[in-house]
Amino acid sequence: MERTVIELGSRDLLVVAGLPGAGKTTLLRHAAGSLRVLDSDQVRGRLGAVLPAAVPYRLYRPVVHVCHRARIVLFAALRRGPLVVHEPATRASTRRWLGLVARGTRRPARLLWLDATAEEALAGQHCRARVVRSRSFARHVARADAVRAELRAGRVPPGFGSAQVLTRTAALHAVLRPGAGGPTRTPAPRTARPAVRTDPPRTAATSRTARPVARGRAG
């Protein structure tokens, strides 16, 4: 299968989104070592290491999410270089908030949506030996269906300059890396144009570089 290479501009904020179990963590393992990746599991691991083992995660989950969001704001505002954020982002409010963070810190916002069926995502959760509660997962699935419909209709989420869709299979073979050039620019277009490209699995043996494939009006 052809490997998809996704290059980031020097100030890009890339949100890697999709259902829990869609392959986000696996994709981010293939990110170049120089890329800064922010994941709520990083916060969870640090808190879990200092809290008594008897404390269940559900009791400090809200603290994890608050700290994760605070890190996103701080790193986006204070750190140089591209930033990759690991978020399901099935909630419209989460996507809007991430778009606002990008705009407020003068970073082009890009969405990389990993498109997986509920069955594929659930299998991915079992593979990683961590399964989301059934009610929570059902809500993610319902919201993800709406996101998929929007992207297939060529609509980029508000606040984002571009969006790209990868199947779960394609994501397993994708690589993230800093681009060789300057920042990726996302000017608002004067005329409408196709907004989103879906990348199906390829059969070629060579790799390719994925450029920003969708343009939208930020705000």
C-alpha atoms as a PDB file:
ATOM      1  CA  MET A   1       0.000   0.000   0.000  1.00  0.00           C
ATOM      2  CA  GLU A   2       1.150   3.513  -0.776  1.00  0.00           C
ATOM      3  CA  ARG A   3       2.263   5.436   2.296  1.00  0.00           C
ATOM      4  CA  THR A   4       0.643   8.815   2.847  1.00  0.00           C
ATOM      5  CA  VAL A   5       3.054  11.503   4.038  1.00  0.00           C
ATOM      6  CA  ILE A   6       1.382  14.517   5.631  1.00  0.00           C
ATOM      7  CA  GLU A   7       3.618  17.571   5.864  1.00  0.00           C
ATOM      8  CA  LEU A   8       2.971  20.336   8.364  1.00  0.00           C
ATOM      9  CA  GLY A   9       3.797  23.989   7.930  1.00  0.00           C
ATOM     10  CA  SER A  10       5.951  25.706  10.532  1.00  0.00           C
ATOM     11  CA  ARG A  11       2.946  27.117  12.439  1.00  0.00           C
ATOM     12  CA  ASP A  12       0.259  24.554  11.645  1.00  0.00           C
ATOM     13  CA  LEU A  13      -2.069  23.261  14.332  1.00  0.00           C
ATOM     14  CA  LEU A  14      -3.164  19.829  13.141  1.00  0.00           C
ATOM     15  CA  VAL A  15      -6.073  18.168  14.939  1.00  0.00           C
ATOM     16  CA  VAL A  16      -6.031  14.388  14.499  1.00  0.00           C
ATOM     17  CA  ALA A  17      -9.644  13.435  15.125  1.00  0.00           C
ATOM     18  CA  GLY A  18     -12.063  10.531  14.849  1.00  0.00           C
ATOM     19  CA  LEU A  19     -13.822   7.880  16.884  1.00  0.00           C
ATOM     20  CA  PRO A  20     -12.005   6.319  19.839  1.00  0.00           C
ATOM     21  CA  GLY A  21     -10.267   3.323  18.290  1.00  0.00           C
ATOM     22  CA  ALA A  22     -10.139   4.833  14.794  1.00  0.00           C
ATOM     23  CA  GLY A  23      -6.335   4.670  14.743  1.00  0.00           C
ATOM     24  CA  LYS A  24      -5.281   8.109  15.994  1.00  0.00           C
ATOM     25  CA  THR A  25      -2.746   6.808  18.507  1.00  0.00           C
ATOM     26  CA  THR A  26      -1.263   4.418  15.951  1.00  0.00           C
ATOM     27  CA  LEU A  27      -0.919   7.225  13.422  1.00  0.00           C
ATOM     28  CA  LEU A  28       0.767   9.482  15.961  1.00  0.00           C
ATOM     29  CA  ARG A  29       3.336   6.803  16.719  1.00  0.00           C
ATOM     30  CA  HIS A  30       4.507   7.373  13.153  1.00  0.00           C
ATOM     31  CA  ALA A  31       4.920  11.115  13.674  1.00  0.00           C
ATOM     32  CA  ALA A  32       8.422  12.487  13.226  1.00  0.00           C
ATOM     33  CA  GLY A  33      10.235  12.833  16.529  1.00  0.00           C
ATOM     34  CA  SER A  34      10.583  16.584  16.107  1.00  0.00           C
ATOM     35  CA  LEU A  35       6.812  17.095  16.076  1.00  0.00           C
ATOM     36  CA  ARG A  36       5.118  18.188  19.278  1.00  0.00           C
ATOM     37  CA  VAL A  37       2.111  15.939  19.966  1.00  0.00           C
ATOM     38  CA  LEU A  38      -0.375  16.749  22.736  1.00  0.00           C
ATOM     39  CA  ASP A  39      -2.523  13.887  24.001  1.00  0.00           C
ATOM     40  CA  SER A  40      -4.765  13.715  27.075  1.00  0.00           C
ATOM     41  CA  ASP A  41      -3.190  10.335  27.859  1.00  0.00           C
ATOM     42  CA  GLN A  42       0.040  12.182  28.625  1.00  0.00           C
ATOM     43  CA  VAL A  43      -1.749  14.071  31.408  1.00  0.00           C
ATOM     44  CA  ARG A  44      -3.579  10.960  32.558  1.00  0.00           C
ATOM     45  CA  GLY A  45      -0.323   9.058  32.857  1.00  0.00           C
ATOM     46  CA  ARG A  46       1.337  11.761  34.928  1.00  0.00           C
ATOM     47  CA  LEU A  47      -1.610  12.150  37.290  1.00  0.00           C
ATOM     48  CA  GLY A  48      -2.067   8.411  37.578  1.00  0.00           C
ATOM     49  CA  ALA A  49       1.573   8.062  38.589  1.00  0.00           C
ATOM     50  CA  VAL A  50       1.171  10.334  41.614  1.00  0.00           C
ATOM     51  CA  LEU A  51      -2.343   9.362  42.720  1.00  0.00           C
ATOM     52  CA  PRO A  52      -3.058   6.255  44.792  1.00  0.00           C
ATOM     53  CA  ALA A  53      -3.717   3.236  42.594  1.00  0.00           C
ATOM     54  CA  ALA A  54      -7.124   2.821  44.227  1.00  0.00           C
ATOM     55  CA  VAL A  55      -8.383   6.124  42.768  1.00  0.00           C
ATOM     56  CA  PRO A  56     -10.504   5.297  39.688  1.00  0.00           C
ATOM     57  CA  TYR A  57      -9.921   7.306  36.535  1.00  0.00           C
ATOM     58  CA  ARG A  58     -13.519   8.537  36.435  1.00  0.00           C
ATOM     59  CA  LEU A  59     -12.844  10.625  39.552  1.00  0.00           C
ATOM     60  CA  TYR A  60     -10.028  12.635  37.997  1.00  0.00           C
ATOM     61  CA  ARG A  61     -11.114  12.511  34.356  1.00  0.00           C
ATOM     62  CA  PRO A  62     -12.393  16.148  34.452  1.00  0.00           C
ATOM     63  CA  VAL A  63      -9.004  17.307  35.754  1.00  0.00           C
ATOM     64  CA  VAL A  64      -7.261  15.453  32.922  1.00  0.00           C
ATOM     65  CA  HIS A  65      -9.374  17.178  30.289  1.00  0.00           C
ATOM     66  CA  VAL A  66      -8.943  20.637  31.828  1.00  0.00           C
ATOM     67  CA  CYS A  67      -5.169  20.186  31.995  1.00  0.00           C
ATOM     68  CA  HIS A  68      -5.090  18.840  28.438  1.00  0.00           C
ATOM     69  CA  ARG A  69      -6.898  21.900  27.124  1.00  0.00           C
ATOM     70  CA  ALA A  70      -4.680  24.219  29.132  1.00  0.00           C
ATOM     71  CA  ARG A  71      -1.614  22.568  27.588  1.00  0.00           C
ATOM     72  CA  ILE A  72      -3.035  23.061  24.100  1.00  0.00           C
ATOM     73  CA  VAL A  73      -3.472  26.789  24.698  1.00  0.00           C
ATOM     74  CA  LEU A  74      -0.042  27.221  26.292  1.00  0.00           C
ATOM     75  CA  PHE A  75       1.860  25.255  23.670  1.00  0.00           C
ATOM     76  CA  ALA A  76      -0.002  26.917  20.805  1.00  0.00           C
ATOM     77  CA  ALA A  77       0.762  30.354  22.216  1.00  0.00           C
ATOM     78  CA  LEU A  78       4.302  29.902  23.511  1.00  0.00           C
ATOM     79  CA  ARG A  79       6.015  27.171  21.513  1.00  0.00           C
ATOM     80  CA  ARG A  80       7.470  27.415  18.052  1.00  0.00           C
ATOM     81  CA  GLY A  81       6.937  24.900  15.299  1.00  0.00           C
ATOM     82  CA  PRO A  82       3.905  22.883  14.242  1.00  0.00           C
ATOM     83  CA  LEU A  83       1.614  21.392  16.862  1.00  0.00           C
ATOM     84  CA  VAL A  84      -0.368  18.148  16.644  1.00  0.00           C
ATOM     85  CA  VAL A  85      -3.400  17.685  18.897  1.00  0.00           C
ATOM     86  CA  HIS A  86      -4.946  14.277  19.555  1.00  0.00           C
ATOM     87  CA  GLU A  87      -8.685  14.737  20.123  1.00  0.00           C
ATOM     88  CA  PRO A  88     -11.766  12.746  19.095  1.00  0.00           C
ATOM     89  CA  ALA A  89     -13.329  16.145  18.286  1.00  0.00           C
ATOM     90  CA  THR A  90     -16.690  14.577  17.539  1.00  0.00           C
ATOM     91  CA  ARG A  91     -18.325  17.462  19.415  1.00  0.00           C
ATOM     92  CA  ALA A  92     -18.903  20.596  17.351  1.00  0.00           C
ATOM     93  CA  SER A  93     -18.075  22.676  20.435  1.00  0.00           C
ATOM     94  CA  THR A  94     -14.637  21.027  20.682  1.00  0.00           C
ATOM     95  CA  ARG A  95     -13.887  21.736  17.028  1.00  0.00           C
ATOM     96  CA  ARG A  96     -14.999  25.353  17.413  1.00  0.00           C
ATOM     97  CA  TRP A  97     -12.824  25.761  20.489  1.00  0.00           C
ATOM     98  CA  LEU A  98      -9.769  24.329  18.726  1.00  0.00           C
ATOM     99  CA  GLY A  99     -10.409  26.647  15.784  1.00  0.00           C
ATOM    100  CA  LEU A 100     -10.549  29.612  18.143  1.00  0.00           C
ATOM    101  CA  VAL A 101      -7.288  28.568  19.818  1.00  0.00           C
ATOM    102  CA  ALA A 102      -5.614  28.368  16.423  1.00  0.00           C
ATOM    103  CA  ARG A 103      -6.960  31.741  15.383  1.00  0.00           C
ATOM    104  CA  GLY A 104      -6.023  33.370  18.689  1.00  0.00           C
ATOM    105  CA  THR A 105      -2.460  32.080  18.463  1.00  0.00           C
ATOM    106  CA  ARG A 106      -2.133  32.859  14.743  1.00  0.00           C
ATOM    107  CA  ARG A 107      -1.811  29.257  13.643  1.00  0.00           C
ATOM    108  CA  PRO A 108      -3.395  27.745  10.521  1.00  0.00           C
ATOM    109  CA  ALA A 109      -5.848  25.079  11.731  1.00  0.00           C
ATOM    110  CA  ARG A 110      -6.025  21.759   9.881  1.00  0.00           C
ATOM    111  CA  LEU A 111      -8.306  18.814  10.557  1.00  0.00           C
ATOM    112  CA  LEU A 112      -7.258  15.241   9.839  1.00  0.00           C
ATOM    113  CA  TRP A 113     -10.323  13.034  10.276  1.00  0.00           C
ATOM    114  CA  LEU A 114      -9.749   9.287  10.585  1.00  0.00           C
ATOM    115  CA  ASP A 115     -12.878   7.707   9.187  1.00  0.00           C
ATOM    116  CA  ALA A 116     -13.767   4.370  10.760  1.00  0.00           C
ATOM    117  CA  THR A 117     -17.007   2.484  11.184  1.00  0.00           C
ATOM    118  CA  ALA A 118     -18.271   1.830  14.694  1.00  0.00           C
ATOM    119  CA  GLU A 119     -17.263  -1.822  14.296  1.00  0.00           C
ATOM    120  CA  GLU A 120     -13.733  -0.930  13.191  1.00  0.00           C
ATOM    121  CA  ALA A 121     -13.313   1.550  16.036  1.00  0.00           C
ATOM    122  CA  LEU A 122     -14.621  -0.911  18.619  1.00  0.00           C
ATOM    123  CA  ALA A 123     -12.204  -3.544  17.333  1.00  0.00           C
ATOM    124  CA  GLY A 124      -9.425  -0.966  17.650  1.00  0.00           C
ATOM    125  CA  GLN A 125     -10.385  -0.326  21.273  1.00  0.00           C
ATOM    126  CA  HIS A 126     -10.255  -4.034  22.082  1.00  0.00           C
ATOM    127  CA  CYS A 127      -6.901  -4.286  20.322  1.00  0.00           C
ATOM    128  CA  ARG A 128      -5.447  -1.596  22.574  1.00  0.00           C
ATOM    129  CA  ALA A 129      -7.145  -3.220  25.606  1.00  0.00           C
ATOM    130  CA  ARG A 130      -9.008  -0.062  26.578  1.00  0.00           C
ATOM    131  CA  VAL A 131     -12.695   0.132  25.738  1.00  0.00           C
ATOM    132  CA  VAL A 132     -14.802   3.284  26.000  1.00  0.00           C
ATOM    133  CA  ARG A 133     -18.042   2.966  27.967  1.00  0.00           C
ATOM    134  CA  SER A 134     -20.897   1.895  25.697  1.00  0.00           C
ATOM    135  CA  ARG A 135     -23.040   4.995  26.276  1.00  0.00           C
ATOM    136  CA  SER A 136     -20.151   7.349  25.678  1.00  0.00           C
ATOM    137  CA  PHE A 137     -19.116   5.465  22.551  1.00  0.00           C
ATOM    138  CA  ALA A 138     -22.673   5.538  21.187  1.00  0.00           C
ATOM    139  CA  ARG A 139     -22.693   9.324  21.541  1.00  0.00           C
ATOM    140  CA  HIS A 140     -19.344   9.538  19.749  1.00  0.00           C
ATOM    141  CA  VAL A 141     -20.728   7.392  16.915  1.00  0.00           C
ATOM    142  CA  ALA A 142     -23.842   9.532  16.490  1.00  0.00           C
ATOM    143  CA  ARG A 143     -21.796  12.729  16.378  1.00  0.00           C
ATOM    144  CA  ALA A 144     -19.186  11.190  14.077  1.00  0.00           C
ATOM    145  CA  ASP A 145     -21.910  10.327  11.568  1.00  0.00           C
ATOM    146  CA  ALA A 146     -22.787  14.019  11.391  1.00  0.00           C
ATOM    147  CA  VAL A 147     -19.133  15.014  10.962  1.00  0.00           C
ATOM    148  CA  ARG A 148     -18.700  12.461   8.174  1.00  0.00           C
ATOM    149  CA  ALA A 149     -21.749  13.819   6.363  1.00  0.00           C
ATOM    150  CA  GLU A 150     -20.424  17.383   6.596  1.00  0.00           C
ATOM    151  CA  LEU A 151     -16.999  16.424   5.281  1.00  0.00           C
ATOM    152  CA  ARG A 152     -18.417  14.344   2.448  1.00  0.00           C
ATOM    153  CA  ALA A 153     -20.545  17.321   1.481  1.00  0.00           C
ATOM    154  CA  GLY A 154     -17.325  19.321   1.114  1.00  0.00           C
ATOM    155  CA  ARG A 155     -17.794  21.505   4.182  1.00  0.00           C
ATOM    156  CA  VAL A 156     -14.811  22.383   6.373  1.00  0.00           C
ATOM    157  CA  PRO A 157     -15.569  22.865  10.102  1.00  0.00           C
ATOM    158  CA  PRO A 158     -15.738  26.510  11.244  1.00  0.00           C
ATOM    159  CA  GLY A 159     -12.353  27.837  12.309  1.00  0.00           C
ATOM    160  CA  PHE A 160     -10.391  25.374  10.182  1.00  0.00           C
ATOM    161  CA  GLY A 161      -8.631  26.231   6.966  1.00  0.00           C
ATOM    162  CA  SER A 162      -8.487  22.689   5.618  1.00  0.00           C
ATOM    163  CA  ALA A 163      -9.716  19.174   6.218  1.00  0.00           C
ATOM    164  CA  GLN A 164      -8.532  15.780   5.071  1.00  0.00           C
ATOM    165  CA  VAL A 165     -10.152  12.380   5.547  1.00  0.00           C
ATOM    166  CA  LEU A 166      -8.211   9.134   5.815  1.00  0.00           C
ATOM    167  CA  THR A 167      -9.673   5.673   6.155  1.00  0.00           C
ATOM    168  CA  ARG A 168      -8.513   3.687   9.158  1.00  0.00           C
ATOM    169  CA  THR A 169      -6.494   1.419   6.873  1.00  0.00           C
ATOM    170  CA  ALA A 170      -4.774   4.355   5.173  1.00  0.00           C
ATOM    171  CA  ALA A 171      -4.064   5.980   8.547  1.00  0.00           C
ATOM    172  CA  LEU A 172      -2.176   2.886   9.700  1.00  0.00           C
ATOM    173  CA  HIS A 173       0.360   3.572   6.950  1.00  0.00           C
ATOM    174  CA  ALA A 174       0.447   7.382   7.160  1.00  0.00           C
ATOM    175  CA  VAL A 175       3.344   9.498   8.424  1.00  0.00           C
ATOM    176  CA  LEU A 176       3.315  13.019   9.858  1.00  0.00           C
ATOM    177  CA  ARG A 177       6.386  15.209   9.475  1.00  0.00           C
ATOM    178  CA  PRO A 178       7.390  18.875   9.392  1.00  0.00           C
ATOM    179  CA  GLY A 179       7.391  20.364   5.914  1.00  0.00           C
ATOM    180  CA  ALA A 180      10.578  21.619   4.326  1.00  0.00           C
ATOM    181  CA  GLY A 181       9.068  24.970   3.447  1.00  0.00           C
ATOM    182  CA  GLY A 182       7.423  27.768   5.349  1.00  0.00           C
ATOM    183  CA  PRO A 183       4.077  27.852   7.077  1.00  0.00           C
ATOM    184  CA  THR A 184       1.001  26.476   5.395  1.00  0.00           C
ATOM    185  CA  ARG A 185      -1.200  29.401   4.475  1.00  0.00           C
ATOM    186  CA  THR A 186      -4.970  29.166   4.513  1.00  0.00           C
ATOM    187  CA  PRO A 187      -6.454  32.354   3.001  1.00  0.00           C
ATOM    188  CA  ALA A 188     -10.213  32.519   2.721  1.00  0.00           C
ATOM    189  CA  PRO A 189     -11.178  31.939  -0.912  1.00  0.00           C
ATOM    190  CA  ARG A 190     -13.258  34.392  -2.891  1.00  0.00           C
ATOM    191  CA  THR A 191     -15.169  31.628  -4.621  1.00  0.00           C
ATOM    192  CA  ALA A 192     -16.399  28.283  -3.408  1.00  0.00           C
ATOM    193  CA  ARG A 193     -14.374  25.221  -4.303  1.00  0.00           C
ATOM    194  CA  PRO A 194     -14.314  21.551  -3.287  1.00  0.00           C
ATOM    195  CA  ALA A 195     -13.391  21.517   0.375  1.00  0.00           C
ATOM    196  CA  VAL A 196     -12.456  18.016   1.388  1.00  0.00           C
ATOM    197  CA  ARG A 197     -10.667  15.072  -0.148  1.00  0.00           C
ATOM    198  CA  THR A 198     -11.129  11.527   1.048  1.00  0.00           C
ATOM    199  CA  ASP A 199      -8.060   9.353   0.605  1.00  0.00           C
ATOM    200  CA  PRO A 200      -8.964   5.700  -0.039  1.00  0.00           C
ATOM    201  CA  PRO A 201      -6.339   2.990   0.374  1.00  0.00           C
ATOM    202  CA  ARG A 202      -3.868   2.907  -2.529  1.00  0.00           C
ATOM    203  CA  THR A 203      -2.048  -0.039  -4.017  1.00  0.00           C
ATOM    204  CA  ALA A 204       1.079   1.655  -5.348  1.00  0.00           C
ATOM    205  CA  ALA A 205       4.355   0.808  -3.684  1.00  0.00           C
ATOM    206  CA  THR A 206       5.764   4.318  -3.624  1.00  0.00           C
ATOM    207  CA  SER A 207       5.025   6.988  -1.054  1.00  0.00           C
ATOM    208  CA  ARG A 208       3.349  10.288  -1.692  1.00  0.00           C
ATOM    209  CA  THR A 209       3.154  13.599   0.108  1.00  0.00           C
ATOM    210  CA  ALA A 210      -0.251  14.850   1.183  1.00  0.00           C
ATOM    211  CA  ARG A 211      -0.630  18.592   0.848  1.00  0.00           C
ATOM    212  CA  PRO A 212      -3.344  20.682   2.507  1.00  0.00           C
ATOM    213  CA  VAL A 213      -6.320  19.550   0.487  1.00  0.00           C
ATOM    214  CA  ALA A 214      -9.179  21.698   1.636  1.00  0.00           C
ATOM    215  CA  ARG A 215      -9.613  25.379   2.074  1.00  0.00           C
ATOM    216  CA  GLY A 216     -12.267  26.984   4.183  1.00  0.00           C
ATOM    217  CA  ARG A 217     -13.086  30.286   5.731  1.00  0.00           C
ATOM    218  CA  ALA A 218     -11.609  30.577   9.209  1.00  0.00           C
ATOM    219  CA  GLY A 219     -13.645  32.139  11.925  1.00  0.00           C
END
